[in-house]
């Protein structure tokens, strides 16, 4: 089942079950997907839907850190709930050991030797890690590994 169909089914289930908070988050996801489809005049496939979800997760994580810095725990809790719901539609996350192994493979295959070659490594890893790891953390690990 495609992600868009799963979202639609989950939205119907949330409506029937009276889960207003979850329903609101699913509607936000559908709105973001529809916005991108309208902007680009295309139908999004699962990979593109995942990129929309990744962007939403990144925004929510940034919001949580901002709300916590401003001592607004109530708003941070709402954002954390949204993160939980969005993550249910993401593929299974990789463990740190799996990410490190993929980084080592990418460094070996690209022949990267210094921090200058970081772009090559990230470019090689991005398709493999899409939706399965936080690319910000992956970039920091690559930088540390390459001595940058």
N, C-alpha and C. Protein backbone atom coordinates (compact mmCIF):
# COMPACT_ATOMS: atom_id res chain seq x y z
N UNK A 1 0.83 -1.17 0.00
CA UNK A 1 0.00 0.00 0.00
C UNK A 1 0.89 1.25 0.00
N UNK A 2 0.54 2.21 -0.83
CA UNK A 2 1.35 3.42 -0.89
C UNK A 2 1.14 4.25 0.38
N UNK A 3 2.08 5.12 0.64
CA UNK A 3 2.00 5.96 1.83
C UNK A 3 0.77 6.87 1.81
N UNK A 4 0.44 7.38 0.63
CA UNK A 4 -0.72 8.28 0.53
C UNK A 4 -2.01 7.54 0.86
N UNK A 5 -2.13 6.31 0.39
CA UNK A 5 -3.32 5.51 0.71
C UNK A 5 -3.36 5.16 2.19
N UNK A 6 -2.20 4.83 2.74
CA UNK A 6 -2.13 4.52 4.17
C UNK A 6 -2.54 5.73 4.99
N UNK A 7 -2.09 6.92 4.59
CA UNK A 7 -2.46 8.14 5.30
C UNK A 7 -3.97 8.36 5.24
N UNK A 8 -4.55 8.12 4.07
CA UNK A 8 -5.99 8.30 3.91
C UNK A 8 -6.76 7.31 4.80
N UNK A 9 -6.32 6.07 4.80
CA UNK A 9 -6.98 5.06 5.65
C UNK A 9 -6.84 5.41 7.13
N UNK A 10 -5.64 5.86 7.53
CA UNK A 10 -5.42 6.23 8.93
C UNK A 10 -6.25 7.45 9.31
N UNK A 11 -6.44 8.36 8.35
CA UNK A 11 -7.26 9.54 8.62
C UNK A 11 -8.71 9.11 8.87
N UNK A 12 -9.20 8.18 8.06
CA UNK A 12 -10.56 7.69 8.25
C UNK A 12 -10.69 6.99 9.61
N UNK A 13 -9.69 6.19 9.96
CA UNK A 13 -9.71 5.49 11.24
C UNK A 13 -9.69 6.48 12.41
N UNK A 14 -8.90 7.53 12.29
CA UNK A 14 -8.83 8.54 13.36
C UNK A 14 -10.16 9.29 13.47
N UNK A 15 -10.80 9.53 12.34
CA UNK A 15 -12.13 10.19 12.38
C UNK A 15 -13.14 9.30 13.09
N UNK A 16 -13.15 8.04 12.72
CA UNK A 16 -14.11 7.10 13.33
C UNK A 16 -13.82 6.89 14.80
N UNK A 17 -12.53 6.86 15.15
CA UNK A 17 -12.15 6.63 16.54
C UNK A 17 -12.19 7.87 17.41
N UNK A 18 -12.38 9.03 16.82
CA UNK A 18 -12.46 10.27 17.57
C UNK A 18 -11.11 10.75 18.10
N UNK A 19 -10.03 10.33 17.46
CA UNK A 19 -8.68 10.74 17.88
C UNK A 19 -8.33 12.06 17.18
N UNK A 20 -8.75 13.16 17.78
CA UNK A 20 -8.62 14.47 17.14
C UNK A 20 -7.17 14.92 16.96
N UNK A 21 -6.31 14.61 17.94
CA UNK A 21 -4.91 15.04 17.85
C UNK A 21 -4.21 14.35 16.68
N UNK A 22 -4.38 13.03 16.61
CA UNK A 22 -3.77 12.26 15.52
C UNK A 22 -4.35 12.69 14.17
N UNK A 23 -5.65 12.92 14.13
CA UNK A 23 -6.31 13.36 12.91
C UNK A 23 -5.73 14.69 12.43
N UNK A 24 -5.48 15.58 13.37
CA UNK A 24 -4.91 16.88 13.01
C UNK A 24 -3.53 16.74 12.38
N UNK A 25 -2.71 15.86 12.93
CA UNK A 25 -1.36 15.66 12.40
C UNK A 25 -1.43 15.02 11.00
N UNK A 26 -2.31 14.04 10.84
CA UNK A 26 -2.45 13.39 9.53
C UNK A 26 -2.93 14.40 8.49
N UNK A 27 -3.82 15.29 8.90
CA UNK A 27 -4.27 16.34 7.97
C UNK A 27 -3.13 17.28 7.61
N UNK A 28 -2.26 17.59 8.58
CA UNK A 28 -1.09 18.42 8.29
C UNK A 28 -0.19 17.74 7.25
N UNK A 29 0.01 16.43 7.42
CA UNK A 29 0.84 15.67 6.48
C UNK A 29 0.21 15.70 5.09
N UNK A 30 -1.09 15.43 5.01
CA UNK A 30 -1.77 15.43 3.72
C UNK A 30 -1.71 16.81 3.07
N UNK A 31 -1.84 17.86 3.87
CA UNK A 31 -1.78 19.22 3.34
C UNK A 31 -0.39 19.52 2.76
N UNK A 32 0.66 19.07 3.46
CA UNK A 32 2.02 19.29 2.96
C UNK A 32 2.25 18.54 1.65
N UNK A 33 1.74 17.31 1.58
CA UNK A 33 1.89 16.52 0.36
C UNK A 33 1.13 17.18 -0.78
N UNK A 34 -0.11 17.57 -0.52
CA UNK A 34 -0.94 18.20 -1.56
C UNK A 34 -0.31 19.52 -2.01
N UNK A 35 0.26 20.28 -1.07
CA UNK A 35 0.90 21.55 -1.42
C UNK A 35 2.04 21.33 -2.41
N UNK A 36 2.86 20.32 -2.14
CA UNK A 36 3.98 20.04 -3.03
C UNK A 36 3.48 19.55 -4.39
N UNK A 37 2.42 18.74 -4.39
CA UNK A 37 1.87 18.26 -5.66
C UNK A 37 1.33 19.42 -6.50
N UNK A 38 0.66 20.36 -5.84
CA UNK A 38 0.10 21.50 -6.55
C UNK A 38 1.22 22.42 -7.04
N UNK A 39 2.21 22.67 -6.18
CA UNK A 39 3.32 23.55 -6.56
C UNK A 39 4.08 23.02 -7.76
N UNK A 40 4.35 21.72 -7.76
CA UNK A 40 5.17 21.13 -8.82
C UNK A 40 4.35 20.49 -9.93
N UNK A 41 3.02 20.49 -9.78
CA UNK A 41 2.11 19.91 -10.77
C UNK A 41 2.47 18.46 -11.11
N UNK A 42 2.68 17.67 -10.07
CA UNK A 42 3.00 16.25 -10.23
C UNK A 42 2.26 15.43 -9.18
N UNK A 43 2.22 14.12 -9.37
CA UNK A 43 1.74 13.21 -8.34
C UNK A 43 2.97 12.66 -7.63
N UNK A 44 3.01 12.77 -6.33
CA UNK A 44 4.19 12.31 -5.58
C UNK A 44 4.16 10.79 -5.42
N UNK A 45 5.33 10.17 -5.63
CA UNK A 45 5.46 8.74 -5.33
C UNK A 45 5.92 8.61 -3.88
N UNK A 46 6.09 7.36 -3.43
CA UNK A 46 6.45 7.14 -2.03
C UNK A 46 7.77 7.79 -1.64
N UNK A 47 8.75 7.78 -2.52
CA UNK A 47 10.05 8.39 -2.21
C UNK A 47 9.90 9.90 -1.99
N UNK A 48 9.08 10.53 -2.83
CA UNK A 48 8.88 11.97 -2.68
C UNK A 48 8.04 12.28 -1.44
N UNK A 49 7.08 11.42 -1.12
CA UNK A 49 6.30 11.59 0.11
C UNK A 49 7.23 11.48 1.32
N UNK A 50 8.17 10.53 1.26
CA UNK A 50 9.14 10.40 2.36
C UNK A 50 9.97 11.67 2.52
N UNK A 51 10.34 12.30 1.41
CA UNK A 51 11.13 13.53 1.52
C UNK A 51 10.30 14.64 2.17
N UNK A 52 8.99 14.68 1.88
CA UNK A 52 8.11 15.65 2.53
C UNK A 52 8.05 15.36 4.03
N UNK A 53 7.93 14.09 4.39
CA UNK A 53 7.87 13.71 5.80
C UNK A 53 9.18 14.03 6.52
N UNK A 54 10.31 13.80 5.84
CA UNK A 54 11.61 14.14 6.43
C UNK A 54 11.71 15.62 6.72
N UNK A 55 11.24 16.42 5.77
CA UNK A 55 11.27 17.87 5.95
C UNK A 55 10.39 18.28 7.14
N UNK A 56 9.23 17.65 7.25
CA UNK A 56 8.34 17.95 8.37
C UNK A 56 8.98 17.55 9.71
N UNK A 57 9.65 16.40 9.73
CA UNK A 57 10.33 15.97 10.95
C UNK A 57 11.42 16.95 11.35
N UNK A 58 12.19 17.40 10.37
CA UNK A 58 13.27 18.35 10.65
C UNK A 58 12.69 19.65 11.23
N UNK A 59 11.60 20.12 10.63
CA UNK A 59 10.96 21.34 11.14
C UNK A 59 10.48 21.15 12.57
N UNK A 60 9.89 20.00 12.85
CA UNK A 60 9.37 19.74 14.20
C UNK A 60 10.52 19.65 15.21
N UNK A 61 11.61 19.00 14.82
CA UNK A 61 12.76 18.90 15.74
C UNK A 61 13.32 20.27 16.05
N UNK A 62 13.43 21.11 15.02
CA UNK A 62 13.91 22.47 15.24
C UNK A 62 12.96 23.24 16.16
N UNK A 63 11.66 23.04 15.96
CA UNK A 63 10.68 23.72 16.80
C UNK A 63 10.79 23.27 18.25
N UNK A 64 10.98 21.98 18.47
CA UNK A 64 11.11 21.47 19.84
C UNK A 64 12.29 22.14 20.53
N UNK A 65 13.43 22.20 19.84
CA UNK A 65 14.60 22.81 20.48
C UNK A 65 14.36 24.30 20.77
N UNK A 66 13.67 24.99 19.87
CA UNK A 66 13.37 26.41 20.09
C UNK A 66 12.40 26.59 21.26
N UNK A 67 11.37 25.75 21.32
CA UNK A 67 10.39 25.86 22.40
C UNK A 67 11.02 25.54 23.75
N UNK A 68 11.90 24.53 23.77
CA UNK A 68 12.57 24.18 25.03
C UNK A 68 13.49 25.31 25.47
N UNK A 69 14.16 25.95 24.52
CA UNK A 69 15.04 27.07 24.86
C UNK A 69 14.24 28.24 25.42
N UNK A 70 12.99 28.38 24.97
CA UNK A 70 12.13 29.47 25.44
C UNK A 70 11.27 29.05 26.63
N UNK A 71 11.54 27.86 27.19
CA UNK A 71 10.80 27.33 28.34
C UNK A 71 9.31 27.20 28.06
N UNK A 72 8.98 26.76 26.85
CA UNK A 72 7.57 26.53 26.48
C UNK A 72 7.35 25.03 26.31
N UNK A 73 7.33 24.33 27.43
CA UNK A 73 7.22 22.87 27.41
C UNK A 73 5.89 22.42 26.82
N UNK A 74 4.84 23.21 26.99
CA UNK A 74 3.53 22.85 26.44
C UNK A 74 3.58 22.74 24.91
N UNK A 75 4.20 23.73 24.28
CA UNK A 75 4.32 23.71 22.81
C UNK A 75 5.30 22.64 22.35
N UNK A 76 6.36 22.42 23.11
CA UNK A 76 7.33 21.38 22.76
C UNK A 76 6.66 20.01 22.80
N UNK A 77 5.76 19.79 23.76
CA UNK A 77 5.06 18.51 23.87
C UNK A 77 4.18 18.26 22.65
N UNK A 78 3.53 19.31 22.16
CA UNK A 78 2.70 19.18 20.95
C UNK A 78 3.57 18.78 19.76
N UNK A 79 4.71 19.43 19.63
CA UNK A 79 5.62 19.11 18.52
C UNK A 79 6.16 17.69 18.63
N UNK A 80 6.47 17.24 19.86
CA UNK A 80 6.95 15.87 20.06
C UNK A 80 5.88 14.85 19.65
N UNK A 81 4.63 15.15 19.97
CA UNK A 81 3.54 14.25 19.56
C UNK A 81 3.47 14.18 18.03
N UNK A 82 3.60 15.34 17.37
CA UNK A 82 3.57 15.36 15.91
C UNK A 82 4.73 14.55 15.34
N UNK A 83 5.90 14.65 15.97
CA UNK A 83 7.06 13.86 15.53
C UNK A 83 6.75 12.38 15.63
N UNK A 84 6.14 11.96 16.74
CA UNK A 84 5.80 10.54 16.93
C UNK A 84 4.87 10.05 15.82
N UNK A 85 3.86 10.84 15.49
CA UNK A 85 2.89 10.44 14.47
C UNK A 85 3.57 10.38 13.10
N UNK A 86 4.36 11.38 12.77
CA UNK A 86 5.04 11.40 11.46
C UNK A 86 5.99 10.22 11.34
N UNK A 87 6.69 9.89 12.43
CA UNK A 87 7.66 8.79 12.38
C UNK A 87 7.00 7.44 12.12
N UNK A 88 5.71 7.31 12.41
CA UNK A 88 5.05 6.03 12.13
C UNK A 88 4.97 5.75 10.64
N UNK A 89 5.12 6.77 9.82
CA UNK A 89 5.06 6.59 8.36
C UNK A 89 6.44 6.50 7.72
N UNK A 90 7.48 6.65 8.53
CA UNK A 90 8.84 6.56 8.02
C UNK A 90 9.29 5.10 8.06
N UNK A 91 10.24 4.73 7.19
CA UNK A 91 10.77 3.36 7.26
C UNK A 91 11.55 3.15 8.56
N UNK A 92 11.81 1.89 8.88
CA UNK A 92 12.54 1.56 10.10
C UNK A 92 13.90 2.24 10.10
N UNK A 93 14.23 2.94 11.17
CA UNK A 93 15.50 3.65 11.26
C UNK A 93 16.66 2.66 11.40
N UNK A 94 17.79 3.06 10.86
CA UNK A 94 18.99 2.23 10.96
C UNK A 94 19.65 2.44 12.33
N UNK A 95 20.34 1.43 12.82
CA UNK A 95 21.08 1.57 14.06
C UNK A 95 22.36 2.35 13.79
N UNK A 96 23.00 2.81 14.85
CA UNK A 96 24.25 3.57 14.70
C UNK A 96 25.33 2.71 14.03
N UNK A 97 25.37 1.43 14.39
CA UNK A 97 26.36 0.53 13.81
C UNK A 97 26.13 0.36 12.30
N UNK A 98 24.85 0.25 11.90
CA UNK A 98 24.54 0.12 10.47
C UNK A 98 24.92 1.39 9.71
N UNK A 99 24.65 2.54 10.31
CA UNK A 99 25.00 3.81 9.67
C UNK A 99 26.52 3.92 9.53
N UNK A 100 27.24 3.57 10.60
CA UNK A 100 28.70 3.62 10.55
C UNK A 100 29.26 2.69 9.48
N UNK A 101 28.67 1.50 9.34
CA UNK A 101 29.11 0.55 8.31
C UNK A 101 28.89 1.13 6.91
N UNK A 102 27.73 1.77 6.70
CA UNK A 102 27.45 2.38 5.40
C UNK A 102 28.39 3.54 5.12
N UNK A 103 28.73 4.30 6.17
CA UNK A 103 29.68 5.41 6.00
C UNK A 103 31.04 4.86 5.57
N UNK A 104 31.49 3.80 6.24
CA UNK A 104 32.78 3.19 5.88
C UNK A 104 32.78 2.71 4.43
N UNK A 105 31.68 2.06 4.02
CA UNK A 105 31.58 1.58 2.64
C UNK A 105 31.63 2.74 1.65
N UNK A 106 30.90 3.82 1.97
CA UNK A 106 30.86 4.97 1.07
C UNK A 106 32.22 5.65 0.98
N UNK A 107 32.93 5.75 2.10
CA UNK A 107 34.27 6.35 2.09
C UNK A 107 35.20 5.50 1.23
N UNK A 108 35.11 4.19 1.39
CA UNK A 108 35.96 3.30 0.60
C UNK A 108 35.62 3.36 -0.88
N UNK A 109 34.33 3.38 -1.21
CA UNK A 109 33.95 3.37 -2.63
C UNK A 109 34.23 4.69 -3.33
N UNK A 110 34.16 5.82 -2.58
CA UNK A 110 34.44 7.12 -3.21
C UNK A 110 35.91 7.50 -3.13
N UNK A 111 36.67 6.79 -2.31
CA UNK A 111 38.09 7.11 -2.15
C UNK A 111 38.31 8.40 -1.38
N UNK A 112 37.38 8.77 -0.54
CA UNK A 112 37.48 10.01 0.22
C UNK A 112 38.63 9.92 1.22
N UNK A 113 39.41 11.01 1.29
CA UNK A 113 40.56 11.02 2.18
C UNK A 113 40.54 12.21 3.14
N UNK A 114 39.85 13.27 2.77
CA UNK A 114 39.84 14.46 3.62
C UNK A 114 38.43 15.05 3.68
N UNK A 115 38.28 16.09 4.47
CA UNK A 115 36.98 16.74 4.62
C UNK A 115 36.49 17.34 3.31
N UNK A 116 37.40 17.60 2.38
CA UNK A 116 37.01 18.13 1.08
C UNK A 116 36.15 17.14 0.30
N UNK A 117 36.35 15.86 0.57
CA UNK A 117 35.62 14.82 -0.15
C UNK A 117 34.28 14.48 0.50
N UNK A 118 33.90 15.24 1.51
CA UNK A 118 32.67 14.94 2.25
C UNK A 118 31.45 14.94 1.34
N UNK A 119 31.38 15.84 0.39
CA UNK A 119 30.23 15.92 -0.53
C UNK A 119 30.03 14.64 -1.32
N UNK A 120 31.14 14.03 -1.75
CA UNK A 120 31.05 12.77 -2.49
C UNK A 120 30.45 11.68 -1.62
N UNK A 121 30.90 11.62 -0.36
CA UNK A 121 30.43 10.59 0.56
C UNK A 121 28.95 10.79 0.87
N UNK A 122 28.56 12.03 1.15
CA UNK A 122 27.15 12.32 1.46
C UNK A 122 26.29 12.00 0.23
N UNK A 123 26.78 12.36 -0.95
CA UNK A 123 26.04 12.07 -2.18
C UNK A 123 25.83 10.58 -2.40
N UNK A 124 26.84 9.79 -2.03
CA UNK A 124 26.72 8.34 -2.19
C UNK A 124 25.78 7.74 -1.15
N UNK A 125 25.74 8.33 0.04
CA UNK A 125 24.93 7.78 1.13
C UNK A 125 23.46 8.21 1.09
N UNK A 126 23.20 9.39 0.57
CA UNK A 126 21.86 9.96 0.65
C UNK A 126 20.77 9.02 0.12
N UNK A 127 20.93 8.40 -1.05
CA UNK A 127 19.87 7.50 -1.53
C UNK A 127 19.66 6.29 -0.61
N UNK A 128 20.74 5.79 -0.01
CA UNK A 128 20.64 4.61 0.86
C UNK A 128 19.99 4.94 2.20
N UNK A 129 20.19 6.15 2.67
CA UNK A 129 19.73 6.52 4.01
C UNK A 129 18.44 7.33 4.01
N UNK A 130 17.87 7.57 2.85
CA UNK A 130 16.68 8.41 2.76
C UNK A 130 15.58 7.91 3.70
N UNK A 131 15.22 8.76 4.65
CA UNK A 131 14.16 8.43 5.58
C UNK A 131 14.55 7.46 6.67
N UNK A 132 15.76 6.97 6.65
CA UNK A 132 16.15 5.95 7.63
C UNK A 132 17.19 6.44 8.62
N UNK A 133 17.71 7.66 8.40
CA UNK A 133 18.68 8.24 9.32
C UNK A 133 18.65 9.76 9.17
N UNK A 134 18.97 10.46 10.24
CA UNK A 134 19.04 11.92 10.22
C UNK A 134 20.32 12.33 9.50
N UNK A 135 20.17 12.96 8.35
CA UNK A 135 21.35 13.29 7.53
C UNK A 135 22.25 14.31 8.22
N UNK A 136 21.71 15.13 9.11
CA UNK A 136 22.55 16.06 9.87
C UNK A 136 23.54 15.32 10.76
N UNK A 137 23.05 14.29 11.43
CA UNK A 137 23.92 13.49 12.28
C UNK A 137 24.89 12.67 11.44
N UNK A 138 24.42 12.17 10.31
CA UNK A 138 25.28 11.40 9.41
C UNK A 138 26.42 12.29 8.91
N UNK A 139 26.10 13.52 8.53
CA UNK A 139 27.13 14.45 8.06
C UNK A 139 28.17 14.71 9.13
N UNK A 140 27.71 14.87 10.37
CA UNK A 140 28.67 15.10 11.47
C UNK A 140 29.58 13.90 11.66
N UNK A 141 29.04 12.70 11.53
CA UNK A 141 29.86 11.50 11.66
C UNK A 141 30.88 11.39 10.52
N UNK A 142 30.44 11.73 9.31
CA UNK A 142 31.37 11.67 8.17
C UNK A 142 32.49 12.67 8.38
N UNK A 143 32.12 13.86 8.83
CA UNK A 143 33.11 14.91 9.05
C UNK A 143 34.14 14.46 10.10
N UNK A 144 33.64 13.85 11.18
CA UNK A 144 34.55 13.36 12.23
C UNK A 144 35.44 12.25 11.70
N UNK A 145 34.87 11.39 10.88
CA UNK A 145 35.62 10.26 10.32
C UNK A 145 36.72 10.73 9.35
N UNK A 146 36.40 11.78 8.60
CA UNK A 146 37.37 12.31 7.62
C UNK A 146 38.32 13.33 8.24
N UNK A 147 38.13 13.60 9.50
CA UNK A 147 39.04 14.52 10.19
C UNK A 147 38.80 15.98 9.89
N UNK A 148 37.50 16.33 9.69
CA UNK A 148 37.17 17.72 9.36
C UNK A 148 36.81 18.49 10.49
